[in-house]
Amino acid sequence: GRDELKQLLIASREKLRIIEQKFNT
């Protein structure tokens, strides 16, 4: 469903943001 996709996208973006920050450091 759209709401499920939105929640999954939010969670995935947050994981990616954390990994990108660690990677940049």
PDBML (XML) file of the C-alpha atoms, coordinates in Angstrom:
<?xml version="1.0" encoding="UTF-8" ?>
<PDBx:datablock datablockName="MODEL"
   xmlns:PDBx="http://pdbml.pdb.org/schema/pdbx-v50.xsd"
   xmlns:xsi="http://www.w3.org/2001/XMLSchema-instance"
   xsi:schemaLocation="http://pdbml.pdb.org/schema/pdbx-v50.xsd pdbx-v50.xsd">
   <PDBx:atom_siteCategory>
      <PDBx:atom_site id="1">
         <PDBx:B_iso_or_equiv>0.00</PDBx:B_iso_or_equiv>
         <PDBx:Cartn_x>0.000</PDBx:Cartn_x>
         <PDBx:Cartn_y>0.000</PDBx:Cartn_y>
         <PDBx:Cartn_z>0.000</PDBx:Cartn_z>
         <PDBx:auth_asym_id>A</PDBx:auth_asym_id>
         <PDBx:auth_atom_id>CA</PDBx:auth_atom_id>
         <PDBx:auth_comp_id>GLY</PDBx:auth_comp_id>
         <PDBx:auth_seq_id>1</PDBx:auth_seq_id>
         <PDBx:group_PDB>ATOM</PDBx:group_PDB>
         <PDBx:label_alt_id xsi:nil="true" />
         <PDBx:label_asym_id>A</PDBx:label_asym_id>
         <PDBx:label_atom_id>CA</PDBx:label_atom_id>
         <PDBx:label_comp_id>GLY</PDBx:label_comp_id>
         <PDBx:label_entity_id>1</PDBx:label_entity_id>
         <PDBx:label_seq_id>1</PDBx:label_seq_id>
         <PDBx:occupancy>1.00</PDBx:occupancy>
         <PDBx:pdbx_PDB_model_num>1</PDBx:pdbx_PDB_model_num>
         <PDBx:type_symbol>C</PDBx:type_symbol>
      </PDBx:atom_site>
      <PDBx:atom_site id="2">
         <PDBx:B_iso_or_equiv>0.00</PDBx:B_iso_or_equiv>
         <PDBx:Cartn_x>1.062</PDBx:Cartn_x>
         <PDBx:Cartn_y>3.617</PDBx:Cartn_y>
         <PDBx:Cartn_z>-0.386</PDBx:Cartn_z>
         <PDBx:auth_asym_id>A</PDBx:auth_asym_id>
         <PDBx:auth_atom_id>CA</PDBx:auth_atom_id>
         <PDBx:auth_comp_id>ARG</PDBx:auth_comp_id>
         <PDBx:auth_seq_id>2</PDBx:auth_seq_id>
         <PDBx:group_PDB>ATOM</PDBx:group_PDB>
         <PDBx:label_alt_id xsi:nil="true" />
         <PDBx:label_asym_id>A</PDBx:label_asym_id>
         <PDBx:label_atom_id>CA</PDBx:label_atom_id>
         <PDBx:label_comp_id>ARG</PDBx:label_comp_id>
         <PDBx:label_entity_id>1</PDBx:label_entity_id>
         <PDBx:label_seq_id>2</PDBx:label_seq_id>
         <PDBx:occupancy>1.00</PDBx:occupancy>
         <PDBx:pdbx_PDB_model_num>1</PDBx:pdbx_PDB_model_num>
         <PDBx:type_symbol>C</PDBx:type_symbol>
      </PDBx:atom_site>
      <PDBx:atom_site id="3">
         <PDBx:B_iso_or_equiv>0.00</PDBx:B_iso_or_equiv>
         <PDBx:Cartn_x>1.353</PDBx:Cartn_x>
         <PDBx:Cartn_y>4.162</PDBx:Cartn_y>
         <PDBx:Cartn_z>3.366</PDBx:Cartn_z>
         <PDBx:auth_asym_id>A</PDBx:auth_asym_id>
         <PDBx:auth_atom_id>CA</PDBx:auth_atom_id>
         <PDBx:auth_comp_id>ASP</PDBx:auth_comp_id>
         <PDBx:auth_seq_id>3</PDBx:auth_seq_id>
         <PDBx:group_PDB>ATOM</PDBx:group_PDB>
         <PDBx:label_alt_id xsi:nil="true" />
         <PDBx:label_asym_id>A</PDBx:label_asym_id>
         <PDBx:label_atom_id>CA</PDBx:label_atom_id>
         <PDBx:label_comp_id>ASP</PDBx:label_comp_id>
         <PDBx:label_entity_id>1</PDBx:label_entity_id>
         <PDBx:label_seq_id>3</PDBx:label_seq_id>
         <PDBx:occupancy>1.00</PDBx:occupancy>
         <PDBx:pdbx_PDB_model_num>1</PDBx:pdbx_PDB_model_num>
         <PDBx:type_symbol>C</PDBx:type_symbol>
      </PDBx:atom_site>
      <PDBx:atom_site id="4">
         <PDBx:B_iso_or_equiv>0.00</PDBx:B_iso_or_equiv>
         <PDBx:Cartn_x>3.468</PDBx:Cartn_x>
         <PDBx:Cartn_y>1.024</PDBx:Cartn_y>
         <PDBx:Cartn_z>3.722</PDBx:Cartn_z>
         <PDBx:auth_asym_id>A</PDBx:auth_asym_id>
         <PDBx:auth_atom_id>CA</PDBx:auth_atom_id>
         <PDBx:auth_comp_id>GLU</PDBx:auth_comp_id>
         <PDBx:auth_seq_id>4</PDBx:auth_seq_id>
         <PDBx:group_PDB>ATOM</PDBx:group_PDB>
         <PDBx:label_alt_id xsi:nil="true" />
         <PDBx:label_asym_id>A</PDBx:label_asym_id>
         <PDBx:label_atom_id>CA</PDBx:label_atom_id>
         <PDBx:label_comp_id>GLU</PDBx:label_comp_id>
         <PDBx:label_entity_id>1</PDBx:label_entity_id>
         <PDBx:label_seq_id>4</PDBx:label_seq_id>
         <PDBx:occupancy>1.00</PDBx:occupancy>
         <PDBx:pdbx_PDB_model_num>1</PDBx:pdbx_PDB_model_num>
         <PDBx:type_symbol>C</PDBx:type_symbol>
      </PDBx:atom_site>
      <PDBx:atom_site id="5">
         <PDBx:B_iso_or_equiv>0.00</PDBx:B_iso_or_equiv>
         <PDBx:Cartn_x>5.756</PDBx:Cartn_x>
         <PDBx:Cartn_y>2.160</PDBx:Cartn_y>
         <PDBx:Cartn_z>0.918</PDBx:Cartn_z>
         <PDBx:auth_asym_id>A</PDBx:auth_asym_id>
         <PDBx:auth_atom_id>CA</PDBx:auth_atom_id>
         <PDBx:auth_comp_id>LEU</PDBx:auth_comp_id>
         <PDBx:auth_seq_id>5</PDBx:auth_seq_id>
         <PDBx:group_PDB>ATOM</PDBx:group_PDB>
         <PDBx:label_alt_id xsi:nil="true" />
         <PDBx:label_asym_id>A</PDBx:label_asym_id>
         <PDBx:label_atom_id>CA</PDBx:label_atom_id>
         <PDBx:label_comp_id>LEU</PDBx:label_comp_id>
         <PDBx:label_entity_id>1</PDBx:label_entity_id>
         <PDBx:label_seq_id>5</PDBx:label_seq_id>
         <PDBx:occupancy>1.00</PDBx:occupancy>
         <PDBx:pdbx_PDB_model_num>1</PDBx:pdbx_PDB_model_num>
         <PDBx:type_symbol>C</PDBx:type_symbol>
      </PDBx:atom_site>
      <PDBx:atom_site id="6">
         <PDBx:B_iso_or_equiv>0.00</PDBx:B_iso_or_equiv>
         <PDBx:Cartn_x>6.087</PDBx:Cartn_x>
         <PDBx:Cartn_y>5.592</PDBx:Cartn_y>
         <PDBx:Cartn_z>2.505</PDBx:Cartn_z>
         <PDBx:auth_asym_id>A</PDBx:auth_asym_id>
         <PDBx:auth_atom_id>CA</PDBx:auth_atom_id>
         <PDBx:auth_comp_id>LYS</PDBx:auth_comp_id>
         <PDBx:auth_seq_id>6</PDBx:auth_seq_id>
         <PDBx:group_PDB>ATOM</PDBx:group_PDB>
         <PDBx:label_alt_id xsi:nil="true" />
         <PDBx:label_asym_id>A</PDBx:label_asym_id>
         <PDBx:label_atom_id>CA</PDBx:label_atom_id>
         <PDBx:label_comp_id>LYS</PDBx:label_comp_id>
         <PDBx:label_entity_id>1</PDBx:label_entity_id>
         <PDBx:label_seq_id>6</PDBx:label_seq_id>
         <PDBx:occupancy>1.00</PDBx:occupancy>
         <PDBx:pdbx_PDB_model_num>1</PDBx:pdbx_PDB_model_num>
         <PDBx:type_symbol>C</PDBx:type_symbol>
      </PDBx:atom_site>
      <PDBx:atom_site id="7">
         <PDBx:B_iso_or_equiv>0.00</PDBx:B_iso_or_equiv>
         <PDBx:Cartn_x>7.058</PDBx:Cartn_x>
         <PDBx:Cartn_y>4.119</PDBx:Cartn_y>
         <PDBx:Cartn_z>5.886</PDBx:Cartn_z>
         <PDBx:auth_asym_id>A</PDBx:auth_asym_id>
         <PDBx:auth_atom_id>CA</PDBx:auth_atom_id>
         <PDBx:auth_comp_id>GLN</PDBx:auth_comp_id>
         <PDBx:auth_seq_id>7</PDBx:auth_seq_id>
         <PDBx:group_PDB>ATOM</PDBx:group_PDB>
         <PDBx:label_alt_id xsi:nil="true" />
         <PDBx:label_asym_id>A</PDBx:label_asym_id>
         <PDBx:label_atom_id>CA</PDBx:label_atom_id>
         <PDBx:label_comp_id>GLN</PDBx:label_comp_id>
         <PDBx:label_entity_id>1</PDBx:label_entity_id>
         <PDBx:label_seq_id>7</PDBx:label_seq_id>
         <PDBx:occupancy>1.00</PDBx:occupancy>
         <PDBx:pdbx_PDB_model_num>1</PDBx:pdbx_PDB_model_num>
         <PDBx:type_symbol>C</PDBx:type_symbol>
      </PDBx:atom_site>
      <PDBx:atom_site id="8">
         <PDBx:B_iso_or_equiv>0.00</PDBx:B_iso_or_equiv>
         <PDBx:Cartn_x>9.534</PDBx:Cartn_x>
         <PDBx:Cartn_y>1.732</PDBx:Cartn_y>
         <PDBx:Cartn_z>4.289</PDBx:Cartn_z>
         <PDBx:auth_asym_id>A</PDBx:auth_asym_id>
         <PDBx:auth_atom_id>CA</PDBx:auth_atom_id>
         <PDBx:auth_comp_id>LEU</PDBx:auth_comp_id>
         <PDBx:auth_seq_id>8</PDBx:auth_seq_id>
         <PDBx:group_PDB>ATOM</PDBx:group_PDB>
         <PDBx:label_alt_id xsi:nil="true" />
         <PDBx:label_asym_id>A</PDBx:label_asym_id>
         <PDBx:label_atom_id>CA</PDBx:label_atom_id>
         <PDBx:label_comp_id>LEU</PDBx:label_comp_id>
         <PDBx:label_entity_id>1</PDBx:label_entity_id>
         <PDBx:label_seq_id>8</PDBx:label_seq_id>
         <PDBx:occupancy>1.00</PDBx:occupancy>
         <PDBx:pdbx_PDB_model_num>1</PDBx:pdbx_PDB_model_num>
         <PDBx:type_symbol>C</PDBx:type_symbol>
      </PDBx:atom_site>
      <PDBx:atom_site id="9">
         <PDBx:B_iso_or_equiv>0.00</PDBx:B_iso_or_equiv>
         <PDBx:Cartn_x>11.072</PDBx:Cartn_x>
         <PDBx:Cartn_y>4.599</PDBx:Cartn_y>
         <PDBx:Cartn_z>2.324</PDBx:Cartn_z>
         <PDBx:auth_asym_id>A</PDBx:auth_asym_id>
         <PDBx:auth_atom_id>CA</PDBx:auth_atom_id>
         <PDBx:auth_comp_id>LEU</PDBx:auth_comp_id>
         <PDBx:auth_seq_id>9</PDBx:auth_seq_id>
         <PDBx:group_PDB>ATOM</PDBx:group_PDB>
         <PDBx:label_alt_id xsi:nil="true" />
         <PDBx:label_asym_id>A</PDBx:label_asym_id>
         <PDBx:label_atom_id>CA</PDBx:label_atom_id>
         <PDBx:label_comp_id>LEU</PDBx:label_comp_id>
         <PDBx:label_entity_id>1</PDBx:label_entity_id>
         <PDBx:label_seq_id>9</PDBx:label_seq_id>
         <PDBx:occupancy>1.00</PDBx:occupancy>
         <PDBx:pdbx_PDB_model_num>1</PDBx:pdbx_PDB_model_num>
         <PDBx:type_symbol>C</PDBx:type_symbol>
      </PDBx:atom_site>
      <PDBx:atom_site id="10">
         <PDBx:B_iso_or_equiv>0.00</PDBx:B_iso_or_equiv>
         <PDBx:Cartn_x>11.406</PDBx:Cartn_x>
         <PDBx:Cartn_y>6.746</PDBx:Cartn_y>
         <PDBx:Cartn_z>5.463</PDBx:Cartn_z>
         <PDBx:auth_asym_id>A</PDBx:auth_asym_id>
         <PDBx:auth_atom_id>CA</PDBx:auth_atom_id>
         <PDBx:auth_comp_id>ILE</PDBx:auth_comp_id>
         <PDBx:auth_seq_id>10</PDBx:auth_seq_id>
         <PDBx:group_PDB>ATOM</PDBx:group_PDB>
         <PDBx:label_alt_id xsi:nil="true" />
         <PDBx:label_asym_id>A</PDBx:label_asym_id>
         <PDBx:label_atom_id>CA</PDBx:label_atom_id>
         <PDBx:label_comp_id>ILE</PDBx:label_comp_id>
         <PDBx:label_entity_id>1</PDBx:label_entity_id>
         <PDBx:label_seq_id>10</PDBx:label_seq_id>
         <PDBx:occupancy>1.00</PDBx:occupancy>
         <PDBx:pdbx_PDB_model_num>1</PDBx:pdbx_PDB_model_num>
         <PDBx:type_symbol>C</PDBx:type_symbol>
      </PDBx:atom_site>
      <PDBx:atom_site id="11">
         <PDBx:B_iso_or_equiv>0.00</PDBx:B_iso_or_equiv>
         <PDBx:Cartn_x>13.101</PDBx:Cartn_x>
         <PDBx:Cartn_y>3.894</PDBx:Cartn_y>
         <PDBx:Cartn_z>7.350</PDBx:Cartn_z>
         <PDBx:auth_asym_id>A</PDBx:auth_asym_id>
         <PDBx:auth_atom_id>CA</PDBx:auth_atom_id>
         <PDBx:auth_comp_id>ALA</PDBx:auth_comp_id>
         <PDBx:auth_seq_id>11</PDBx:auth_seq_id>
         <PDBx:group_PDB>ATOM</PDBx:group_PDB>
         <PDBx:label_alt_id xsi:nil="true" />
         <PDBx:label_asym_id>A</PDBx:label_asym_id>
         <PDBx:label_atom_id>CA</PDBx:label_atom_id>
         <PDBx:label_comp_id>ALA</PDBx:label_comp_id>
         <PDBx:label_entity_id>1</PDBx:label_entity_id>
         <PDBx:label_seq_id>11</PDBx:label_seq_id>
         <PDBx:occupancy>1.00</PDBx:occupancy>
         <PDBx:pdbx_PDB_model_num>1</PDBx:pdbx_PDB_model_num>
         <PDBx:type_symbol>C</PDBx:type_symbol>
      </PDBx:atom_site>
      <PDBx:atom_site id="12">
         <PDBx:B_iso_or_equiv>0.00</PDBx:B_iso_or_equiv>
         <PDBx:Cartn_x>15.416</PDBx:Cartn_x>
         <PDBx:Cartn_y>3.095</PDBx:Cartn_y>
         <PDBx:Cartn_z>4.417</PDBx:Cartn_z>
         <PDBx:auth_asym_id>A</PDBx:auth_asym_id>
         <PDBx:auth_atom_id>CA</PDBx:auth_atom_id>
         <PDBx:auth_comp_id>SER</PDBx:auth_comp_id>
         <PDBx:auth_seq_id>12</PDBx:auth_seq_id>
         <PDBx:group_PDB>ATOM</PDBx:group_PDB>
         <PDBx:label_alt_id xsi:nil="true" />
         <PDBx:label_asym_id>A</PDBx:label_asym_id>
         <PDBx:label_atom_id>CA</PDBx:label_atom_id>
         <PDBx:label_comp_id>SER</PDBx:label_comp_id>
         <PDBx:label_entity_id>1</PDBx:label_entity_id>
         <PDBx:label_seq_id>12</PDBx:label_seq_id>
         <PDBx:occupancy>1.00</PDBx:occupancy>
         <PDBx:pdbx_PDB_model_num>1</PDBx:pdbx_PDB_model_num>
         <PDBx:type_symbol>C</PDBx:type_symbol>
      </PDBx:atom_site>
      <PDBx:atom_site id="13">
         <PDBx:B_iso_or_equiv>0.00</PDBx:B_iso_or_equiv>
         <PDBx:Cartn_x>16.429</PDBx:Cartn_x>
         <PDBx:Cartn_y>6.742</PDBx:Cartn_y>
         <PDBx:Cartn_z>3.995</PDBx:Cartn_z>
         <PDBx:auth_asym_id>A</PDBx:auth_asym_id>
         <PDBx:auth_atom_id>CA</PDBx:auth_atom_id>
         <PDBx:auth_comp_id>ARG</PDBx:auth_comp_id>
         <PDBx:auth_seq_id>13</PDBx:auth_seq_id>
         <PDBx:group_PDB>ATOM</PDBx:group_PDB>
         <PDBx:label_alt_id xsi:nil="true" />
         <PDBx:label_asym_id>A</PDBx:label_asym_id>
         <PDBx:label_atom_id>CA</PDBx:label_atom_id>
         <PDBx:label_comp_id>ARG</PDBx:label_comp_id>
         <PDBx:label_entity_id>1</PDBx:label_entity_id>
         <PDBx:label_seq_id>13</PDBx:label_seq_id>
         <PDBx:occupancy>1.00</PDBx:occupancy>
         <PDBx:pdbx_PDB_model_num>1</PDBx:pdbx_PDB_model_num>
         <PDBx:type_symbol>C</PDBx:type_symbol>
      </PDBx:atom_site>
      <PDBx:atom_site id="14">
         <PDBx:B_iso_or_equiv>0.00</PDBx:B_iso_or_equiv>
         <PDBx:Cartn_x>17.267</PDBx:Cartn_x>
         <PDBx:Cartn_y>6.988</PDBx:Cartn_y>
         <PDBx:Cartn_z>7.694</PDBx:Cartn_z>
         <PDBx:auth_asym_id>A</PDBx:auth_asym_id>
         <PDBx:auth_atom_id>CA</PDBx:auth_atom_id>
         <PDBx:auth_comp_id>GLU</PDBx:auth_comp_id>
         <PDBx:auth_seq_id>14</PDBx:auth_seq_id>
         <PDBx:group_PDB>ATOM</PDBx:group_PDB>
         <PDBx:label_alt_id xsi:nil="true" />
         <PDBx:label_asym_id>A</PDBx:label_asym_id>
         <PDBx:label_atom_id>CA</PDBx:label_atom_id>
         <PDBx:label_comp_id>GLU</PDBx:label_comp_id>
         <PDBx:label_entity_id>1</PDBx:label_entity_id>
         <PDBx:label_seq_id>14</PDBx:label_seq_id>
         <PDBx:occupancy>1.00</PDBx:occupancy>
         <PDBx:pdbx_PDB_model_num>1</PDBx:pdbx_PDB_model_num>
         <PDBx:type_symbol>C</PDBx:type_symbol>
      </PDBx:atom_site>
      <PDBx:atom_site id="15">
         <PDBx:B_iso_or_equiv>0.00</PDBx:B_iso_or_equiv>
         <PDBx:Cartn_x>19.470</PDBx:Cartn_x>
         <PDBx:Cartn_y>3.875</PDBx:Cartn_y>
         <PDBx:Cartn_z>7.508</PDBx:Cartn_z>
         <PDBx:auth_asym_id>A</PDBx:auth_asym_id>
         <PDBx:auth_atom_id>CA</PDBx:auth_atom_id>
         <PDBx:auth_comp_id>LYS</PDBx:auth_comp_id>
         <PDBx:auth_seq_id>15</PDBx:auth_seq_id>
         <PDBx:group_PDB>ATOM</PDBx:group_PDB>
         <PDBx:label_alt_id xsi:nil="true" />
         <PDBx:label_asym_id>A</PDBx:label_asym_id>
         <PDBx:label_atom_id>CA</PDBx:label_atom_id>
         <PDBx:label_comp_id>LYS</PDBx:label_comp_id>
         <PDBx:label_entity_id>1</PDBx:label_entity_id>
         <PDBx:label_seq_id>15</PDBx:label_seq_id>
         <PDBx:occupancy>1.00</PDBx:occupancy>
         <PDBx:pdbx_PDB_model_num>1</PDBx:pdbx_PDB_model_num>
         <PDBx:type_symbol>C</PDBx:type_symbol>
      </PDBx:atom_site>
      <PDBx:atom_site id="16">
         <PDBx:B_iso_or_equiv>0.00</PDBx:B_iso_or_equiv>
         <PDBx:Cartn_x>21.178</PDBx:Cartn_x>
         <PDBx:Cartn_y>5.257</PDBx:Cartn_y>
         <PDBx:Cartn_z>4.424</PDBx:Cartn_z>
         <PDBx:auth_asym_id>A</PDBx:auth_asym_id>
         <PDBx:auth_atom_id>CA</PDBx:auth_atom_id>
         <PDBx:auth_comp_id>LEU</PDBx:auth_comp_id>
         <PDBx:auth_seq_id>16</PDBx:auth_seq_id>
         <PDBx:group_PDB>ATOM</PDBx:group_PDB>
         <PDBx:label_alt_id xsi:nil="true" />
         <PDBx:label_asym_id>A</PDBx:label_asym_id>
         <PDBx:label_atom_id>CA</PDBx:label_atom_id>
         <PDBx:label_comp_id>LEU</PDBx:label_comp_id>
         <PDBx:label_entity_id>1</PDBx:label_entity_id>
         <PDBx:label_seq_id>16</PDBx:label_seq_id>
         <PDBx:occupancy>1.00</PDBx:occupancy>
         <PDBx:pdbx_PDB_model_num>1</PDBx:pdbx_PDB_model_num>
         <PDBx:type_symbol>C</PDBx:type_symbol>
      </PDBx:atom_site>
      <PDBx:atom_site id="17">
         <PDBx:B_iso_or_equiv>0.00</PDBx:B_iso_or_equiv>
         <PDBx:Cartn_x>21.738</PDBx:Cartn_x>
         <PDBx:Cartn_y>8.631</PDBx:Cartn_y>
         <PDBx:Cartn_z>6.086</PDBx:Cartn_z>
         <PDBx:auth_asym_id>A</PDBx:auth_asym_id>
         <PDBx:auth_atom_id>CA</PDBx:auth_atom_id>
         <PDBx:auth_comp_id>ARG</PDBx:auth_comp_id>
         <PDBx:auth_seq_id>17</PDBx:auth_seq_id>
         <PDBx:group_PDB>ATOM</PDBx:group_PDB>
         <PDBx:label_alt_id xsi:nil="true" />
         <PDBx:label_asym_id>A</PDBx:label_asym_id>
         <PDBx:label_atom_id>CA</PDBx:label_atom_id>
         <PDBx:label_comp_id>ARG</PDBx:label_comp_id>
         <PDBx:label_entity_id>1</PDBx:label_entity_id>
         <PDBx:label_seq_id>17</PDBx:label_seq_id>
         <PDBx:occupancy>1.00</PDBx:occupancy>
         <PDBx:pdbx_PDB_model_num>1</PDBx:pdbx_PDB_model_num>
         <PDBx:type_symbol>C</PDBx:type_symbol>
      </PDBx:atom_site>
      <PDBx:atom_site id="18">
         <PDBx:B_iso_or_equiv>0.00</PDBx:B_iso_or_equiv>
         <PDBx:Cartn_x>23.486</PDBx:Cartn_x>
         <PDBx:Cartn_y>6.964</PDBx:Cartn_y>
         <PDBx:Cartn_z>9.040</PDBx:Cartn_z>
         <PDBx:auth_asym_id>A</PDBx:auth_asym_id>
         <PDBx:auth_atom_id>CA</PDBx:auth_atom_id>
         <PDBx:auth_comp_id>ILE</PDBx:auth_comp_id>
         <PDBx:auth_seq_id>18</PDBx:auth_seq_id>
         <PDBx:group_PDB>ATOM</PDBx:group_PDB>
         <PDBx:label_alt_id xsi:nil="true" />
         <PDBx:label_asym_id>A</PDBx:label_asym_id>
         <PDBx:label_atom_id>CA</PDBx:label_atom_id>
         <PDBx:label_comp_id>ILE</PDBx:label_comp_id>
         <PDBx:label_entity_id>1</PDBx:label_entity_id>
         <PDBx:label_seq_id>18</PDBx:label_seq_id>
         <PDBx:occupancy>1.00</PDBx:occupancy>
         <PDBx:pdbx_PDB_model_num>1</PDBx:pdbx_PDB_model_num>
         <PDBx:type_symbol>C</PDBx:type_symbol>
      </PDBx:atom_site>
      <PDBx:atom_site id="19">
         <PDBx:B_iso_or_equiv>0.00</PDBx:B_iso_or_equiv>
         <PDBx:Cartn_x>25.694</PDBx:Cartn_x>
         <PDBx:Cartn_y>4.846</PDBx:Cartn_y>
         <PDBx:Cartn_z>6.767</PDBx:Cartn_z>
         <PDBx:auth_asym_id>A</PDBx:auth_asym_id>
         <PDBx:auth_atom_id>CA</PDBx:auth_atom_id>
         <PDBx:auth_comp_id>ILE</PDBx:auth_comp_id>
         <PDBx:auth_seq_id>19</PDBx:auth_seq_id>
         <PDBx:group_PDB>ATOM</PDBx:group_PDB>
         <PDBx:label_alt_id xsi:nil="true" />
         <PDBx:label_asym_id>A</PDBx:label_asym_id>
         <PDBx:label_atom_id>CA</PDBx:label_atom_id>
         <PDBx:label_comp_id>ILE</PDBx:label_comp_id>
         <PDBx:label_entity_id>1</PDBx:label_entity_id>
         <PDBx:label_seq_id>19</PDBx:label_seq_id>
         <PDBx:occupancy>1.00</PDBx:occupancy>
         <PDBx:pdbx_PDB_model_num>1</PDBx:pdbx_PDB_model_num>
         <PDBx:type_symbol>C</PDBx:type_symbol>
      </PDBx:atom_site>
      <PDBx:atom_site id="20">
         <PDBx:B_iso_or_equiv>0.00</PDBx:B_iso_or_equiv>
         <PDBx:Cartn_x>26.574</PDBx:Cartn_x>
         <PDBx:Cartn_y>7.832</PDBx:Cartn_y>
         <PDBx:Cartn_z>4.573</PDBx:Cartn_z>
         <PDBx:auth_asym_id>A</PDBx:auth_asym_id>
         <PDBx:auth_atom_id>CA</PDBx:auth_atom_id>
         <PDBx:auth_comp_id>GLU</PDBx:auth_comp_id>
         <PDBx:auth_seq_id>20</PDBx:auth_seq_id>
         <PDBx:group_PDB>ATOM</PDBx:group_PDB>
         <PDBx:label_alt_id xsi:nil="true" />
         <PDBx:label_asym_id>A</PDBx:label_asym_id>
         <PDBx:label_atom_id>CA</PDBx:label_atom_id>
         <PDBx:label_comp_id>GLU</PDBx:label_comp_id>
         <PDBx:label_entity_id>1</PDBx:label_entity_id>
         <PDBx:label_seq_id>20</PDBx:label_seq_id>
         <PDBx:occupancy>1.00</PDBx:occupancy>
         <PDBx:pdbx_PDB_model_num>1</PDBx:pdbx_PDB_model_num>
         <PDBx:type_symbol>C</PDBx:type_symbol>
      </PDBx:atom_site>
      <PDBx:atom_site id="21">
         <PDBx:B_iso_or_equiv>0.00</PDBx:B_iso_or_equiv>
         <PDBx:Cartn_x>27.564</PDBx:Cartn_x>
         <PDBx:Cartn_y>9.841</PDBx:Cartn_y>
         <PDBx:Cartn_z>7.646</PDBx:Cartn_z>
         <PDBx:auth_asym_id>A</PDBx:auth_asym_id>
         <PDBx:auth_atom_id>CA</PDBx:auth_atom_id>
         <PDBx:auth_comp_id>GLN</PDBx:auth_comp_id>
         <PDBx:auth_seq_id>21</PDBx:auth_seq_id>
         <PDBx:group_PDB>ATOM</PDBx:group_PDB>
         <PDBx:label_alt_id xsi:nil="true" />
         <PDBx:label_asym_id>A</PDBx:label_asym_id>
         <PDBx:label_atom_id>CA</PDBx:label_atom_id>
         <PDBx:label_comp_id>GLN</PDBx:label_comp_id>
         <PDBx:label_entity_id>1</PDBx:label_entity_id>
         <PDBx:label_seq_id>21</PDBx:label_seq_id>
         <PDBx:occupancy>1.00</PDBx:occupancy>
         <PDBx:pdbx_PDB_model_num>1</PDBx:pdbx_PDB_model_num>
         <PDBx:type_symbol>C</PDBx:type_symbol>
      </PDBx:atom_site>
      <PDBx:atom_site id="22">
         <PDBx:B_iso_or_equiv>0.00</PDBx:B_iso_or_equiv>
         <PDBx:Cartn_x>29.810</PDBx:Cartn_x>
         <PDBx:Cartn_y>7.029</PDBx:Cartn_y>
         <PDBx:Cartn_z>8.926</PDBx:Cartn_z>
         <PDBx:auth_asym_id>A</PDBx:auth_asym_id>
         <PDBx:auth_atom_id>CA</PDBx:auth_atom_id>
         <PDBx:auth_comp_id>LYS</PDBx:auth_comp_id>
         <PDBx:auth_seq_id>22</PDBx:auth_seq_id>
         <PDBx:group_PDB>ATOM</PDBx:group_PDB>
         <PDBx:label_alt_id xsi:nil="true" />
         <PDBx:label_asym_id>A</PDBx:label_asym_id>
         <PDBx:label_atom_id>CA</PDBx:label_atom_id>
         <PDBx:label_comp_id>LYS</PDBx:label_comp_id>
         <PDBx:label_entity_id>1</PDBx:label_entity_id>
         <PDBx:label_seq_id>22</PDBx:label_seq_id>
         <PDBx:occupancy>1.00</PDBx:occupancy>
         <PDBx:pdbx_PDB_model_num>1</PDBx:pdbx_PDB_model_num>
         <PDBx:type_symbol>C</PDBx:type_symbol>
      </PDBx:atom_site>
      <PDBx:atom_site id="23">
         <PDBx:B_iso_or_equiv>0.00</PDBx:B_iso_or_equiv>
         <PDBx:Cartn_x>31.235</PDBx:Cartn_x>
         <PDBx:Cartn_y>6.516</PDBx:Cartn_y>
         <PDBx:Cartn_z>5.467</PDBx:Cartn_z>
         <PDBx:auth_asym_id>A</PDBx:auth_asym_id>
         <PDBx:auth_atom_id>CA</PDBx:auth_atom_id>
         <PDBx:auth_comp_id>PHE</PDBx:auth_comp_id>
         <PDBx:auth_seq_id>23</PDBx:auth_seq_id>
         <PDBx:group_PDB>ATOM</PDBx:group_PDB>
         <PDBx:label_alt_id xsi:nil="true" />
         <PDBx:label_asym_id>A</PDBx:label_asym_id>
         <PDBx:label_atom_id>CA</PDBx:label_atom_id>
         <PDBx:label_comp_id>PHE</PDBx:label_comp_id>
         <PDBx:label_entity_id>1</PDBx:label_entity_id>
         <PDBx:label_seq_id>23</PDBx:label_seq_id>
         <PDBx:occupancy>1.00</PDBx:occupancy>
         <PDBx:pdbx_PDB_model_num>1</PDBx:pdbx_PDB_model_num>
         <PDBx:type_symbol>C</PDBx:type_symbol>
      </PDBx:atom_site>
      <PDBx:atom_site id="24">
         <PDBx:B_iso_or_equiv>0.00</PDBx:B_iso_or_equiv>
         <PDBx:Cartn_x>32.006</PDBx:Cartn_x>
         <PDBx:Cartn_y>10.233</PDBx:Cartn_y>
         <PDBx:Cartn_z>5.019</PDBx:Cartn_z>
         <PDBx:auth_asym_id>A</PDBx:auth_asym_id>
         <PDBx:auth_atom_id>CA</PDBx:auth_atom_id>
         <PDBx:auth_comp_id>ASN</PDBx:auth_comp_id>
         <PDBx:auth_seq_id>24</PDBx:auth_seq_id>
         <PDBx:group_PDB>ATOM</PDBx:group_PDB>
         <PDBx:label_alt_id xsi:nil="true" />
         <PDBx:label_asym_id>A</PDBx:label_asym_id>
         <PDBx:label_atom_id>CA</PDBx:label_atom_id>
         <PDBx:label_comp_id>ASN</PDBx:label_comp_id>
         <PDBx:label_entity_id>1</PDBx:label_entity_id>
         <PDBx:label_seq_id>24</PDBx:label_seq_id>
         <PDBx:occupancy>1.00</PDBx:occupancy>
         <PDBx:pdbx_PDB_model_num>1</PDBx:pdbx_PDB_model_num>
         <PDBx:type_symbol>C</PDBx:type_symbol>
      </PDBx:atom_site>
      <PDBx:atom_site id="25">
         <PDBx:B_iso_or_equiv>0.00</PDBx:B_iso_or_equiv>
         <PDBx:Cartn_x>33.674</PDBx:Cartn_x>
         <PDBx:Cartn_y>10.309</PDBx:Cartn_y>
         <PDBx:Cartn_z>8.439</PDBx:Cartn_z>
         <PDBx:auth_asym_id>A</PDBx:auth_asym_id>
         <PDBx:auth_atom_id>CA</PDBx:auth_atom_id>
         <PDBx:auth_comp_id>THR</PDBx:auth_comp_id>
         <PDBx:auth_seq_id>25</PDBx:auth_seq_id>
         <PDBx:group_PDB>ATOM</PDBx:group_PDB>
         <PDBx:label_alt_id xsi:nil="true" />
         <PDBx:label_asym_id>A</PDBx:label_asym_id>
         <PDBx:label_atom_id>CA</PDBx:label_atom_id>
         <PDBx:label_comp_id>THR</PDBx:label_comp_id>
         <PDBx:label_entity_id>1</PDBx:label_entity_id>
         <PDBx:label_seq_id>25</PDBx:label_seq_id>
         <PDBx:occupancy>1.00</PDBx:occupancy>
         <PDBx:pdbx_PDB_model_num>1</PDBx:pdbx_PDB_model_num>
         <PDBx:type_symbol>C</PDBx:type_symbol>
      </PDBx:atom_site>
   </PDBx:atom_siteCategory>
</PDBx:datablock>
